[in-house]
Amino acid sequence: MLGLAFAVSGCAGNEFSALKSLPPPPVKPAYMPVSQQVAPPFGYIGFCVRHPRDCESGSDNPARLVLTPTRWQTLMRVNAEVNGLPEISDQENYGAGDIWSYPDARGGDCEDMAMEKRRRLMAAGWPGDALLIATATDKDGEGHAVLIAAMKEGDLVLDNLDTAIHLWSETPYRWRARQSSRRPYVWLNADPNRIALAPQPDYPPLGAALPFVVMTGKTAAPVMRVSAF
Protein backbone atom coordinates (compact mmCIF):
# COMPACT_ATOMS: atom_id res chain seq x y z
CA MET A 1 0.00 0.00 0.00
CA LEU A 2 2.89 2.40 0.63
CA GLY A 3 4.22 1.91 -2.87
CA LEU A 4 0.78 2.36 -4.35
CA ALA A 5 0.24 5.60 -2.44
CA PHE A 6 3.55 6.95 -3.72
CA ALA A 7 2.69 6.06 -7.31
CA VAL A 8 -0.65 7.88 -7.30
CA SER A 9 0.39 10.91 -5.24
CA GLY A 10 0.68 13.05 -8.34
CA CYS A 11 -2.34 11.64 -10.22
CA ALA A 12 -5.25 13.69 -11.51
CA GLY A 13 -8.55 13.59 -9.69
CA ASN A 14 -10.36 11.38 -12.21
CA GLU A 15 -7.60 8.75 -12.00
CA PHE A 16 -7.78 8.79 -8.21
CA SER A 17 -11.54 8.28 -8.39
CA ALA A 18 -11.02 5.25 -10.62
CA LEU A 19 -8.50 3.87 -8.13
CA LYS A 20 -10.97 4.20 -5.28
CA SER A 21 -13.51 2.14 -7.22
CA LEU A 22 -11.25 -0.92 -7.25
CA PRO A 23 -12.40 -3.77 -4.99
CA PRO A 24 -10.54 -4.09 -1.69
CA PRO A 25 -7.92 -6.84 -1.38
CA PRO A 26 -9.24 -10.16 -0.02
CA VAL A 27 -9.25 -10.44 3.75
CA LYS A 28 -7.71 -13.60 5.11
CA PRO A 29 -10.05 -15.29 7.60
CA ALA A 30 -8.85 -15.07 11.17
CA TYR A 31 -10.42 -18.32 12.36
CA MET A 32 -9.92 -21.76 10.84
CA PRO A 33 -13.27 -23.12 9.60
CA VAL A 34 -14.11 -26.63 10.80
CA SER A 35 -17.15 -28.78 10.20
CA GLN A 36 -18.14 -32.39 10.74
CA GLN A 37 -16.56 -34.73 13.26
CA VAL A 38 -13.83 -37.00 11.90
CA ALA A 39 -11.80 -39.84 13.34
CA PRO A 40 -8.82 -38.71 15.44
CA PRO A 41 -5.35 -39.50 14.11
CA PHE A 42 -4.41 -43.04 15.05
CA GLY A 43 -1.26 -41.84 16.81
CA TYR A 44 -3.30 -39.43 18.92
CA ILE A 45 -5.57 -42.24 20.10
CA GLY A 46 -2.52 -44.14 21.31
CA PHE A 47 -1.24 -41.00 23.04
CA CYS A 48 -4.53 -40.57 24.90
CA VAL A 49 -4.52 -44.19 26.05
CA ARG A 50 -1.05 -43.62 27.53
CA HIS A 51 -1.74 -40.07 28.78
CA PRO A 52 -5.50 -39.87 29.44
CA ARG A 53 -5.29 -36.83 31.71
CA ASP A 54 -3.63 -34.85 28.93
CA CYS A 55 -6.65 -35.47 26.69
CA GLU A 56 -9.43 -34.73 29.18
CA SER A 57 -9.45 -30.93 29.21
CA GLY A 58 -12.06 -28.88 27.42
CA SER A 59 -14.93 -26.52 28.06
CA ASP A 60 -18.64 -26.26 27.36
CA ASN A 61 -18.12 -22.55 26.77
CA PRO A 62 -14.68 -22.11 25.21
CA ALA A 63 -13.48 -18.52 25.02
CA ARG A 64 -10.68 -17.09 22.94
CA LEU A 65 -7.84 -15.36 24.72
CA VAL A 66 -6.88 -11.77 23.99
CA LEU A 67 -3.38 -11.55 22.53
CA THR A 68 -1.72 -9.29 25.08
CA PRO A 69 2.00 -8.41 24.78
CA THR A 70 2.74 -10.82 27.63
CA ARG A 71 0.90 -13.70 25.93
CA TRP A 72 2.63 -12.96 22.64
CA GLN A 73 6.02 -13.13 24.34
CA THR A 74 5.03 -16.42 25.98
CA LEU A 75 4.01 -17.90 22.62
CA MET A 76 7.27 -16.77 21.05
CA ARG A 77 9.34 -18.15 23.92
CA VAL A 78 7.66 -21.56 24.04
CA ASN A 79 7.75 -21.89 20.26
CA ALA A 80 11.48 -21.11 20.18
CA GLU A 81 12.32 -23.37 23.15
CA VAL A 82 10.57 -26.43 21.75
CA ASN A 83 11.78 -25.80 18.21
CA GLY A 84 15.30 -25.93 19.63
CA LEU A 85 14.87 -29.59 20.63
CA PRO A 86 16.42 -32.25 18.37
CA GLU A 87 14.23 -33.50 15.53
CA ILE A 88 14.00 -37.26 15.08
CA SER A 89 11.49 -39.40 13.23
CA ASP A 90 9.29 -41.95 14.99
CA GLN A 91 10.96 -44.70 12.99
CA GLU A 92 14.38 -43.67 14.25
CA ASN A 93 13.21 -43.04 17.82
CA TYR A 94 10.76 -45.89 18.41
CA GLY A 95 11.26 -48.29 15.50
CA ALA A 96 7.68 -47.65 14.40
CA GLY A 97 5.73 -44.93 12.64
CA ASP A 98 2.98 -42.57 13.83
CA ILE A 99 3.82 -42.62 17.54
CA TRP A 100 2.57 -39.49 19.29
CA SER A 101 4.47 -38.74 22.48
CA TYR A 102 6.33 -35.98 24.27
CA PRO A 103 9.92 -35.36 23.16
CA ASP A 104 12.58 -37.05 25.25
CA ALA A 105 16.34 -36.51 25.33
CA ARG A 106 16.53 -37.77 21.74
CA GLY A 107 13.98 -35.20 20.60
CA GLY A 108 10.77 -35.73 18.67
CA ASP A 109 8.90 -35.13 15.42
CA CYS A 110 6.24 -32.57 14.51
CA GLU A 111 3.42 -34.16 16.54
CA ASP A 112 5.67 -34.50 19.58
CA MET A 113 6.75 -30.86 19.30
CA ALA A 114 3.14 -29.69 19.01
CA MET A 115 2.09 -31.72 22.07
CA GLU A 116 5.07 -30.39 24.05
CA LYS A 117 4.17 -26.78 23.24
CA ARG A 118 0.63 -27.44 24.39
CA ARG A 119 1.88 -29.03 27.63
CA ARG A 120 4.23 -26.11 28.41
CA LEU A 121 1.60 -23.46 27.73
CA MET A 122 -0.95 -25.28 29.89
CA ALA A 123 1.66 -25.50 32.66
CA ALA A 124 1.97 -21.72 32.33
CA GLY A 125 -1.77 -21.34 32.98
CA TRP A 126 -3.21 -21.31 29.46
CA PRO A 127 -6.56 -23.13 29.09
CA GLY A 128 -6.54 -26.29 27.03
CA ASP A 129 -9.53 -25.18 24.96
CA ALA A 130 -7.33 -22.42 23.47
CA LEU A 131 -4.52 -24.81 22.50
CA LEU A 132 -5.50 -27.10 19.64
CA ILE A 133 -3.47 -29.60 17.61
CA ALA A 134 -4.13 -29.50 13.86
CA THR A 135 -2.98 -31.82 11.10
CA ALA A 136 -2.15 -30.78 7.56
CA THR A 137 -0.38 -31.75 4.35
CA ASP A 138 2.68 -29.77 3.31
CA LYS A 139 3.63 -28.69 -0.21
CA ASP A 140 5.37 -32.03 -0.77
CA GLY A 141 2.29 -34.00 0.24
CA GLU A 142 3.78 -35.07 3.57
CA GLY A 143 1.71 -35.18 6.74
CA HIS A 144 2.37 -32.51 9.33
CA ALA A 145 1.05 -31.38 12.73
CA VAL A 146 1.20 -28.04 14.53
CA LEU A 147 -0.20 -26.32 17.59
CA ILE A 148 -2.82 -23.63 17.09
CA ALA A 149 -3.33 -20.94 19.72
CA ALA A 150 -6.97 -19.85 19.43
CA MET A 151 -6.74 -16.13 20.14
CA LYS A 152 -9.46 -13.52 19.79
CA GLU A 153 -7.36 -11.92 17.06
CA GLY A 154 -7.12 -15.18 15.10
CA ASP A 155 -5.82 -18.75 15.06
CA LEU A 156 -2.03 -18.60 15.37
CA VAL A 157 0.20 -21.47 14.25
CA LEU A 158 3.18 -22.63 16.32
CA ASP A 159 5.16 -24.70 13.84
CA ASN A 160 8.35 -26.68 14.41
CA LEU A 161 9.36 -25.83 10.82
CA ASP A 162 9.13 -22.07 11.30
CA THR A 163 10.59 -19.77 13.93
CA ALA A 164 7.87 -17.18 13.24
CA ILE A 165 4.25 -17.46 14.33
CA HIS A 166 1.70 -16.97 11.56
CA LEU A 167 -2.04 -16.74 11.15
CA TRP A 168 -3.36 -20.15 10.05
CA SER A 169 -4.40 -18.81 6.62
CA GLU A 170 -0.89 -17.47 5.96
CA THR A 171 0.78 -20.89 6.08
CA PRO A 172 1.59 -23.09 3.06
CA TYR A 173 -0.43 -26.06 4.31
CA ARG A 174 -3.56 -27.84 3.21
CA TRP A 175 -5.40 -28.37 6.47
CA ARG A 176 -6.93 -31.74 7.28
CA ALA A 177 -8.31 -31.84 10.83
CA ARG A 178 -8.22 -30.02 14.14
CA GLN A 179 -9.10 -30.73 17.73
CA SER A 180 -12.39 -29.39 19.04
CA SER A 181 -12.08 -26.60 21.58
CA ARG A 182 -14.88 -28.24 23.57
CA ARG A 183 -13.26 -31.66 23.92
CA PRO A 184 -9.67 -32.17 22.69
CA TYR A 185 -10.25 -35.87 21.97
CA VAL A 186 -12.96 -34.91 19.46
CA TRP A 187 -11.53 -33.99 16.05
CA LEU A 188 -13.22 -31.89 13.37
CA ASN A 189 -12.70 -31.68 9.63
CA ALA A 190 -10.64 -28.69 8.46
CA ASP A 191 -10.22 -29.66 4.80
CA PRO A 192 -12.16 -27.10 2.71
CA ASN A 193 -12.65 -29.72 -0.01
CA ARG A 194 -14.42 -32.03 2.42
CA ILE A 195 -16.54 -29.54 4.34
CA ALA A 196 -20.01 -30.92 5.04
CA LEU A 197 -22.95 -29.48 6.88
CA ALA A 198 -23.36 -31.55 10.00
CA PRO A 199 -24.81 -31.11 13.48
CA GLN A 200 -22.51 -30.39 16.36
CA PRO A 201 -20.99 -33.55 17.85
CA ASP A 202 -22.74 -34.99 20.86
CA TYR A 203 -20.02 -34.11 23.33
CA PRO A 204 -19.72 -36.34 26.41
CA PRO A 205 -20.00 -34.55 29.77
CA LEU A 206 -16.88 -32.92 31.11
CA GLY A 207 -14.90 -35.40 33.14
CA ALA A 208 -16.30 -38.42 31.33
CA ALA A 209 -13.88 -41.26 30.64
CA LEU A 210 -12.15 -41.06 27.29
CA PRO A 211 -13.78 -43.34 24.72
CA PHE A 212 -10.38 -44.73 23.76
CA VAL A 213 -9.69 -45.83 27.33
CA VAL A 214 -13.19 -47.26 27.74
CA MET A 215 -12.76 -49.37 24.59
CA THR A 216 -9.36 -50.73 25.60
CA GLY A 217 -10.33 -51.32 29.20
CA LYS A 218 -6.81 -50.61 30.39
CA THR A 219 -3.86 -48.34 29.82
CA ALA A 220 -1.71 -49.34 26.88
CA ALA A 221 1.83 -50.51 27.38
CA PRO A 222 4.54 -47.85 27.22
CA VAL A 223 6.00 -47.05 23.84
CA MET A 224 8.91 -49.39 23.22
CA ARG A 225 11.99 -47.97 21.53
CA VAL A 226 13.92 -50.20 19.17
CA SER A 227 17.67 -49.78 19.57
CA ALA A 228 19.56 -48.97 16.40
CA PHE A 229 22.72 -50.96 15.69
C-alpha atoms as a PDB file:
ATOM      1  CA  MET A   1       0.000   0.000   0.000  1.00  0.00           C
ATOM      2  CA  LEU A   2       2.887   2.404   0.633  1.00  0.00           C
ATOM      3  CA  GLY A   3       4.223   1.909  -2.867  1.00  0.00           C
ATOM      4  CA  LEU A   4       0.780   2.360  -4.348  1.00  0.00           C
ATOM      5  CA  ALA A   5       0.236   5.604  -2.443  1.00  0.00           C
ATOM      6  CA  PHE A   6       3.554   6.955  -3.719  1.00  0.00           C
ATOM      7  CA  ALA A   7       2.689   6.058  -7.314  1.00  0.00           C
ATOM      8  CA  VAL A   8      -0.651   7.884  -7.299  1.00  0.00           C
ATOM      9  CA  SER A   9       0.394  10.906  -5.236  1.00  0.00           C
ATOM     10  CA  GLY A  10       0.678  13.050  -8.343  1.00  0.00           C
ATOM     11  CA  CYS A  11      -2.340  11.638 -10.221  1.00  0.00           C
ATOM     12  CA  ALA A  12      -5.247  13.686 -11.507  1.00  0.00           C
ATOM     13  CA  GLY A  13      -8.548  13.590  -9.691  1.00  0.00           C
ATOM     14  CA  ASN A  14     -10.359  11.379 -12.212  1.00  0.00           C
ATOM     15  CA  GLU A  15      -7.603   8.754 -12.004  1.00  0.00           C
ATOM     16  CA  PHE A  16      -7.776   8.789  -8.212  1.00  0.00           C
ATOM     17  CA  SER A  17     -11.544   8.282  -8.390  1.00  0.00           C
ATOM     18  CA  ALA A  18     -11.016   5.245 -10.616  1.00  0.00           C
ATOM     19  CA  LEU A  19      -8.498   3.865  -8.132  1.00  0.00           C
ATOM     20  CA  LYS A  20     -10.973   4.201  -5.278  1.00  0.00           C
ATOM     21  CA  SER A  21     -13.513   2.141  -7.222  1.00  0.00           C
ATOM     22  CA  LEU A  22     -11.252  -0.919  -7.253  1.00  0.00           C
ATOM     23  CA  PRO A  23     -12.404  -3.774  -4.995  1.00  0.00           C
ATOM     24  CA  PRO A  24     -10.536  -4.089  -1.690  1.00  0.00           C
ATOM     25  CA  PRO A  25      -7.918  -6.843  -1.376  1.00  0.00           C
ATOM     26  CA  PRO A  26      -9.239 -10.160  -0.025  1.00  0.00           C
ATOM     27  CA  VAL A  27      -9.251 -10.442   3.747  1.00  0.00           C
ATOM     28  CA  LYS A  28      -7.711 -13.602   5.114  1.00  0.00           C
ATOM     29  CA  PRO A  29     -10.051 -15.286   7.604  1.00  0.00           C
ATOM     30  CA  ALA A  30      -8.846 -15.070  11.174  1.00  0.00           C
ATOM     31  CA  TYR A  31     -10.418 -18.321  12.364  1.00  0.00           C
ATOM     32  CA  MET A  32      -9.922 -21.757  10.843  1.00  0.00           C
ATOM     33  CA  PRO A  33     -13.272 -23.119   9.595  1.00  0.00           C
ATOM     34  CA  VAL A  34     -14.112 -26.628  10.799  1.00  0.00           C
ATOM     35  CA  SER A  35     -17.152 -28.783  10.201  1.00  0.00           C
ATOM     36  CA  GLN A  36     -18.138 -32.392  10.741  1.00  0.00           C
ATOM     37  CA  GLN A  37     -16.559 -34.726  13.258  1.00  0.00           C
ATOM     38  CA  VAL A  38     -13.831 -36.999  11.904  1.00  0.00           C
ATOM     39  CA  ALA A  39     -11.795 -39.836  13.345  1.00  0.00           C
ATOM     40  CA  PRO A  40      -8.818 -38.708  15.444  1.00  0.00           C
ATOM     41  CA  PRO A  41      -5.350 -39.496  14.115  1.00  0.00           C
ATOM     42  CA  PHE A  42      -4.406 -43.040  15.054  1.00  0.00           C
ATOM     43  CA  GLY A  43      -1.264 -41.844  16.808  1.00  0.00           C
ATOM     44  CA  TYR A  44      -3.301 -39.429  18.918  1.00  0.00           C
ATOM     45  CA  ILE A  45      -5.568 -42.236  20.096  1.00  0.00           C
ATOM     46  CA  GLY A  46      -2.522 -44.139  21.309  1.00  0.00           C
ATOM     47  CA  PHE A  47      -1.239 -40.998  23.037  1.00  0.00           C
ATOM     48  CA  CYS A  48      -4.532 -40.572  24.903  1.00  0.00           C
ATOM     49  CA  VAL A  49      -4.520 -44.186  26.054  1.00  0.00           C
ATOM     50  CA  ARG A  50      -1.052 -43.623  27.535  1.00  0.00           C
ATOM     51  CA  HIS A  51      -1.742 -40.068  28.780  1.00  0.00           C
ATOM     52  CA  PRO A  52      -5.501 -39.875  29.442  1.00  0.00           C
ATOM     53  CA  ARG A  53      -5.290 -36.833  31.710  1.00  0.00           C
ATOM     54  CA  ASP A  54      -3.634 -34.845  28.928  1.00  0.00           C
ATOM     55  CA  CYS A  55      -6.646 -35.465  26.686  1.00  0.00           C
ATOM     56  CA  GLU A  56      -9.432 -34.734  29.177  1.00  0.00           C
ATOM     57  CA  SER A  57      -9.452 -30.928  29.208  1.00  0.00           C
ATOM     58  CA  GLY A  58     -12.061 -28.879  27.423  1.00  0.00           C
ATOM     59  CA  SER A  59     -14.928 -26.515  28.057  1.00  0.00           C
ATOM     60  CA  ASP A  60     -18.639 -26.263  27.360  1.00  0.00           C
ATOM     61  CA  ASN A  61     -18.117 -22.547  26.774  1.00  0.00           C
ATOM     62  CA  PRO A  62     -14.679 -22.114  25.209  1.00  0.00           C
ATOM     63  CA  ALA A  63     -13.478 -18.521  25.021  1.00  0.00           C
ATOM     64  CA  ARG A  64     -10.684 -17.088  22.944  1.00  0.00           C
ATOM     65  CA  LEU A  65      -7.840 -15.357  24.721  1.00  0.00           C
ATOM     66  CA  VAL A  66      -6.878 -11.767  23.987  1.00  0.00           C
ATOM     67  CA  LEU A  67      -3.383 -11.548  22.527  1.00  0.00           C
ATOM     68  CA  THR A  68      -1.717  -9.288  25.081  1.00  0.00           C
ATOM     69  CA  PRO A  69       2.003  -8.415  24.785  1.00  0.00           C
ATOM     70  CA  THR A  70       2.738 -10.824  27.626  1.00  0.00           C
ATOM     71  CA  ARG A  71       0.904 -13.695  25.929  1.00  0.00           C
ATOM     72  CA  TRP A  72       2.625 -12.957  22.643  1.00  0.00           C
ATOM     73  CA  GLN A  73       6.019 -13.129  24.344  1.00  0.00           C
ATOM     74  CA  THR A  74       5.025 -16.424  25.982  1.00  0.00           C
ATOM     75  CA  LEU A  75       4.005 -17.900  22.617  1.00  0.00           C
ATOM     76  CA  MET A  76       7.269 -16.772  21.047  1.00  0.00           C
ATOM     77  CA  ARG A  77       9.343 -18.152  23.920  1.00  0.00           C
ATOM     78  CA  VAL A  78       7.665 -21.558  24.038  1.00  0.00           C
ATOM     79  CA  ASN A  79       7.749 -21.894  20.262  1.00  0.00           C
ATOM     80  CA  ALA A  80      11.476 -21.114  20.182  1.00  0.00           C
ATOM     81  CA  GLU A  81      12.322 -23.367  23.147  1.00  0.00           C
ATOM     82  CA  VAL A  82      10.565 -26.427  21.754  1.00  0.00           C
ATOM     83  CA  ASN A  83      11.785 -25.798  18.211  1.00  0.00           C
ATOM     84  CA  GLY A  84      15.301 -25.934  19.626  1.00  0.00           C
ATOM     85  CA  LEU A  85      14.870 -29.592  20.626  1.00  0.00           C
ATOM     86  CA  PRO A  86      16.421 -32.249  18.366  1.00  0.00           C
ATOM     87  CA  GLU A  87      14.234 -33.504  15.526  1.00  0.00           C
ATOM     88  CA  ILE A  88      14.003 -37.259  15.085  1.00  0.00           C
ATOM     89  CA  SER A  89      11.493 -39.397  13.232  1.00  0.00           C
ATOM     90  CA  ASP A  90       9.294 -41.955  14.992  1.00  0.00           C
ATOM     91  CA  GLN A  91      10.955 -44.701  12.991  1.00  0.00           C
ATOM     92  CA  GLU A  92      14.378 -43.666  14.254  1.00  0.00           C
ATOM     93  CA  ASN A  93      13.210 -43.036  17.816  1.00  0.00           C
ATOM     94  CA  TYR A  94      10.763 -45.895  18.406  1.00  0.00           C
ATOM     95  CA  GLY A  95      11.263 -48.288  15.505  1.00  0.00           C
ATOM     96  CA  ALA A  96       7.679 -47.646  14.397  1.00  0.00           C
ATOM     97  CA  GLY A  97       5.732 -44.928  12.636  1.00  0.00           C
ATOM     98  CA  ASP A  98       2.980 -42.567  13.831  1.00  0.00           C
ATOM     99  CA  ILE A  99       3.818 -42.623  17.544  1.00  0.00           C
ATOM    100  CA  TRP A 100       2.570 -39.488  19.292  1.00  0.00           C
ATOM    101  CA  SER A 101       4.471 -38.740  22.483  1.00  0.00           C
ATOM    102  CA  TYR A 102       6.334 -35.985  24.275  1.00  0.00           C
ATOM    103  CA  PRO A 103       9.919 -35.358  23.163  1.00  0.00           C
ATOM    104  CA  ASP A 104      12.579 -37.053  25.253  1.00  0.00           C
ATOM    105  CA  ALA A 105      16.344 -36.512  25.329  1.00  0.00           C
ATOM    106  CA  ARG A 106      16.527 -37.769  21.741  1.00  0.00           C
ATOM    107  CA  GLY A 107      13.984 -35.197  20.598  1.00  0.00           C
ATOM    108  CA  GLY A 108      10.767 -35.731  18.671  1.00  0.00           C
ATOM    109  CA  ASP A 109       8.898 -35.128  15.425  1.00  0.00           C
ATOM    110  CA  CYS A 110       6.236 -32.568  14.511  1.00  0.00           C
ATOM    111  CA  GLU A 111       3.424 -34.160  16.538  1.00  0.00           C
ATOM    112  CA  ASP A 112       5.667 -34.498  19.578  1.00  0.00           C
ATOM    113  CA  MET A 113       6.747 -30.862  19.297  1.00  0.00           C
ATOM    114  CA  ALA A 114       3.138 -29.691  19.014  1.00  0.00           C
ATOM    115  CA  MET A 115       2.091 -31.717  22.070  1.00  0.00           C
ATOM    116  CA  GLU A 116       5.070 -30.389  24.047  1.00  0.00           C
ATOM    117  CA  LYS A 117       4.174 -26.778  23.237  1.00  0.00           C
ATOM    118  CA  ARG A 118       0.633 -27.439  24.392  1.00  0.00           C
ATOM    119  CA  ARG A 119       1.882 -29.026  27.628  1.00  0.00           C
ATOM    120  CA  ARG A 120       4.229 -26.115  28.406  1.00  0.00           C
ATOM    121  CA  LEU A 121       1.600 -23.464  27.728  1.00  0.00           C
ATOM    122  CA  MET A 122      -0.946 -25.278  29.893  1.00  0.00           C
ATOM    123  CA  ALA A 123       1.660 -25.499  32.657  1.00  0.00           C
ATOM    124  CA  ALA A 124       1.972 -21.716  32.326  1.00  0.00           C
ATOM    125  CA  GLY A 125      -1.765 -21.339  32.976  1.00  0.00           C
ATOM    126  CA  TRP A 126      -3.209 -21.308  29.461  1.00  0.00           C
ATOM    127  CA  PRO A 127      -6.560 -23.129  29.085  1.00  0.00           C
ATOM    128  CA  GLY A 128      -6.544 -26.294  27.032  1.00  0.00           C
ATOM    129  CA  ASP A 129      -9.530 -25.175  24.959  1.00  0.00           C
ATOM    130  CA  ALA A 130      -7.331 -22.424  23.467  1.00  0.00           C
ATOM    131  CA  LEU A 131      -4.520 -24.812  22.497  1.00  0.00           C
ATOM    132  CA  LEU A 132      -5.495 -27.103  19.642  1.00  0.00           C
ATOM    133  CA  ILE A 133      -3.474 -29.597  17.609  1.00  0.00           C
ATOM    134  CA  ALA A 134      -4.134 -29.504  13.864  1.00  0.00           C
ATOM    135  CA  THR A 135      -2.985 -31.821  11.099  1.00  0.00           C
ATOM    136  CA  ALA A 136      -2.154 -30.777   7.562  1.00  0.00           C
ATOM    137  CA  THR A 137      -0.384 -31.753   4.354  1.00  0.00           C
ATOM    138  CA  ASP A 138       2.676 -29.769   3.315  1.00  0.00           C
ATOM    139  CA  LYS A 139       3.628 -28.687  -0.207  1.00  0.00           C
ATOM    140  CA  ASP A 140       5.372 -32.028  -0.775  1.00  0.00           C
ATOM    141  CA  GLY A 141       2.294 -34.004   0.244  1.00  0.00           C
ATOM    142  CA  GLU A 142       3.783 -35.074   3.565  1.00  0.00           C
ATOM    143  CA  GLY A 143       1.706 -35.184   6.741  1.00  0.00           C
ATOM    144  CA  HIS A 144       2.371 -32.508   9.331  1.00  0.00           C
ATOM    145  CA  ALA A 145       1.047 -31.378  12.725  1.00  0.00           C
ATOM    146  CA  VAL A 146       1.205 -28.036  14.528  1.00  0.00           C
ATOM    147  CA  LEU A 147      -0.198 -26.320  17.592  1.00  0.00           C
ATOM    148  CA  ILE A 148      -2.825 -23.631  17.093  1.00  0.00           C
ATOM    149  CA  ALA A 149      -3.329 -20.938  19.717  1.00  0.00           C
ATOM    150  CA  ALA A 150      -6.967 -19.851  19.429  1.00  0.00           C
ATOM    151  CA  MET A 151      -6.745 -16.126  20.138  1.00  0.00           C
ATOM    152  CA  LYS A 152      -9.461 -13.516  19.794  1.00  0.00           C
ATOM    153  CA  GLU A 153      -7.363 -11.919  17.056  1.00  0.00           C
ATOM    154  CA  GLY A 154      -7.124 -15.183  15.098  1.00  0.00           C
ATOM    155  CA  ASP A 155      -5.817 -18.752  15.061  1.00  0.00           C
ATOM    156  CA  LEU A 156      -2.030 -18.602  15.373  1.00  0.00           C
ATOM    157  CA  VAL A 157       0.202 -21.470  14.249  1.00  0.00           C
ATOM    158  CA  LEU A 158       3.178 -22.629  16.318  1.00  0.00           C
ATOM    159  CA  ASP A 159       5.165 -24.705  13.839  1.00  0.00           C
ATOM    160  CA  ASN A 160       8.348 -26.684  14.409  1.00  0.00           C
ATOM    161  CA  LEU A 161       9.364 -25.830  10.818  1.00  0.00           C
ATOM    162  CA  ASP A 162       9.126 -22.068  11.301  1.00  0.00           C
ATOM    163  CA  THR A 163      10.594 -19.765  13.927  1.00  0.00           C
ATOM    164  CA  ALA A 164       7.875 -17.181  13.236  1.00  0.00           C
ATOM    165  CA  ILE A 165       4.254 -17.458  14.333  1.00  0.00           C
ATOM    166  CA  HIS A 166       1.702 -16.973  11.561  1.00  0.00           C
ATOM    167  CA  LEU A 167      -2.043 -16.742  11.146  1.00  0.00           C
ATOM    168  CA  TRP A 168      -3.359 -20.146  10.049  1.00  0.00           C
ATOM    169  CA  SER A 169      -4.401 -18.808   6.617  1.00  0.00           C
ATOM    170  CA  GLU A 170      -0.885 -17.475   5.959  1.00  0.00           C
ATOM    171  CA  THR A 171       0.780 -20.889   6.084  1.00  0.00           C
ATOM    172  CA  PRO A 172       1.592 -23.087   3.056  1.00  0.00           C
ATOM    173  CA  TYR A 173      -0.429 -26.064   4.311  1.00  0.00           C
ATOM    174  CA  ARG A 174      -3.558 -27.844   3.214  1.00  0.00           C
ATOM    175  CA  TRP A 175      -5.400 -28.374   6.467  1.00  0.00           C
ATOM    176  CA  ARG A 176      -6.932 -31.737   7.275  1.00  0.00           C
ATOM    177  CA  ALA A 177      -8.314 -31.844  10.825  1.00  0.00           C
ATOM    178  CA  ARG A 178      -8.220 -30.015  14.141  1.00  0.00           C
ATOM    179  CA  GLN A 179      -9.104 -30.727  17.731  1.00  0.00           C
ATOM    180  CA  SER A 180     -12.392 -29.394  19.037  1.00  0.00           C
ATOM    181  CA  SER A 181     -12.084 -26.599  21.580  1.00  0.00           C
ATOM    182  CA  ARG A 182     -14.880 -28.242  23.571  1.00  0.00           C
ATOM    183  CA  ARG A 183     -13.255 -31.659  23.917  1.00  0.00           C
ATOM    184  CA  PRO A 184      -9.674 -32.173  22.692  1.00  0.00           C
ATOM    185  CA  TYR A 185     -10.253 -35.869  21.971  1.00  0.00           C
ATOM    186  CA  VAL A 186     -12.961 -34.906  19.456  1.00  0.00           C
ATOM    187  CA  TRP A 187     -11.528 -33.990  16.051  1.00  0.00           C
ATOM    188  CA  LEU A 188     -13.221 -31.895  13.369  1.00  0.00           C
ATOM    189  CA  ASN A 189     -12.696 -31.684   9.625  1.00  0.00           C
ATOM    190  CA  ALA A 190     -10.638 -28.693   8.465  1.00  0.00           C
ATOM    191  CA  ASP A 191     -10.223 -29.658   4.795  1.00  0.00           C
ATOM    192  CA  PRO A 192     -12.163 -27.095   2.714  1.00  0.00           C
ATOM    193  CA  ASN A 193     -12.650 -29.715  -0.008  1.00  0.00           C
ATOM    194  CA  ARG A 194     -14.423 -32.031   2.417  1.00  0.00           C
ATOM    195  CA  ILE A 195     -16.542 -29.540   4.341  1.00  0.00           C
ATOM    196  CA  ALA A 196     -20.015 -30.915   5.040  1.00  0.00           C
ATOM    197  CA  LEU A 197     -22.954 -29.482   6.880  1.00  0.00           C
ATOM    198  CA  ALA A 198     -23.361 -31.547   9.999  1.00  0.00           C
ATOM    199  CA  PRO A 199     -24.814 -31.114  13.479  1.00  0.00           C
ATOM    200  CA  GLN A 200     -22.505 -30.387  16.356  1.00  0.00           C
ATOM    201  CA  PRO A 201     -20.986 -33.553  17.846  1.00  0.00           C
ATOM    202  CA  ASP A 202     -22.743 -34.993  20.859  1.00  0.00           C
ATOM    203  CA  TYR A 203     -20.015 -34.106  23.327  1.00  0.00           C
ATOM    204  CA  PRO A 204     -19.720 -36.337  26.408  1.00  0.00           C
ATOM    205  CA  PRO A 205     -19.998 -34.553  29.769  1.00  0.00           C
ATOM    206  CA  LEU A 206     -16.877 -32.921  31.107  1.00  0.00           C
ATOM    207  CA  GLY A 207     -14.896 -35.397  33.145  1.00  0.00           C
ATOM    208  CA  ALA A 208     -16.296 -38.424  31.334  1.00  0.00           C
ATOM    209  CA  ALA A 209     -13.878 -41.260  30.636  1.00  0.00           C
ATOM    210  CA  LEU A 210     -12.147 -41.058  27.290  1.00  0.00           C
ATOM    211  CA  PRO A 211     -13.779 -43.341  24.721  1.00  0.00           C
ATOM    212  CA  PHE A 212     -10.382 -44.732  23.758  1.00  0.00           C
ATOM    213  CA  VAL A 213      -9.694 -45.831  27.329  1.00  0.00           C
ATOM    214  CA  VAL A 214     -13.187 -47.264  27.737  1.00  0.00           C
ATOM    215  CA  MET A 215     -12.760 -49.371  24.586  1.00  0.00           C
ATOM    216  CA  THR A 216      -9.357 -50.726  25.597  1.00  0.00           C
ATOM    217  CA  GLY A 217     -10.330 -51.319  29.197  1.00  0.00           C
ATOM    218  CA  LYS A 218      -6.813 -50.608  30.390  1.00  0.00           C
ATOM    219  CA  THR A 219      -3.856 -48.344  29.821  1.00  0.00           C
ATOM    220  CA  ALA A 220      -1.711 -49.337  26.881  1.00  0.00           C
ATOM    221  CA  ALA A 221       1.834 -50.509  27.383  1.00  0.00           C
ATOM    222  CA  PRO A 222       4.535 -47.848  27.221  1.00  0.00           C
ATOM    223  CA  VAL A 223       6.001 -47.053  23.843  1.00  0.00           C
ATOM    224  CA  MET A 224       8.905 -49.393  23.215  1.00  0.00           C
ATOM    225  CA  ARG A 225      11.994 -47.968  21.526  1.00  0.00           C
ATOM    226  CA  VAL A 226      13.916 -50.196  19.173  1.00  0.00           C
ATOM    227  CA  SER A 227      17.672 -49.780  19.565  1.00  0.00           C
ATOM    228  CA  ALA A 228      19.563 -48.970  16.399  1.00  0.00           C
ATOM    229  CA  PHE A 229      22.724 -50.962  15.694  1.00  0.00           C
END
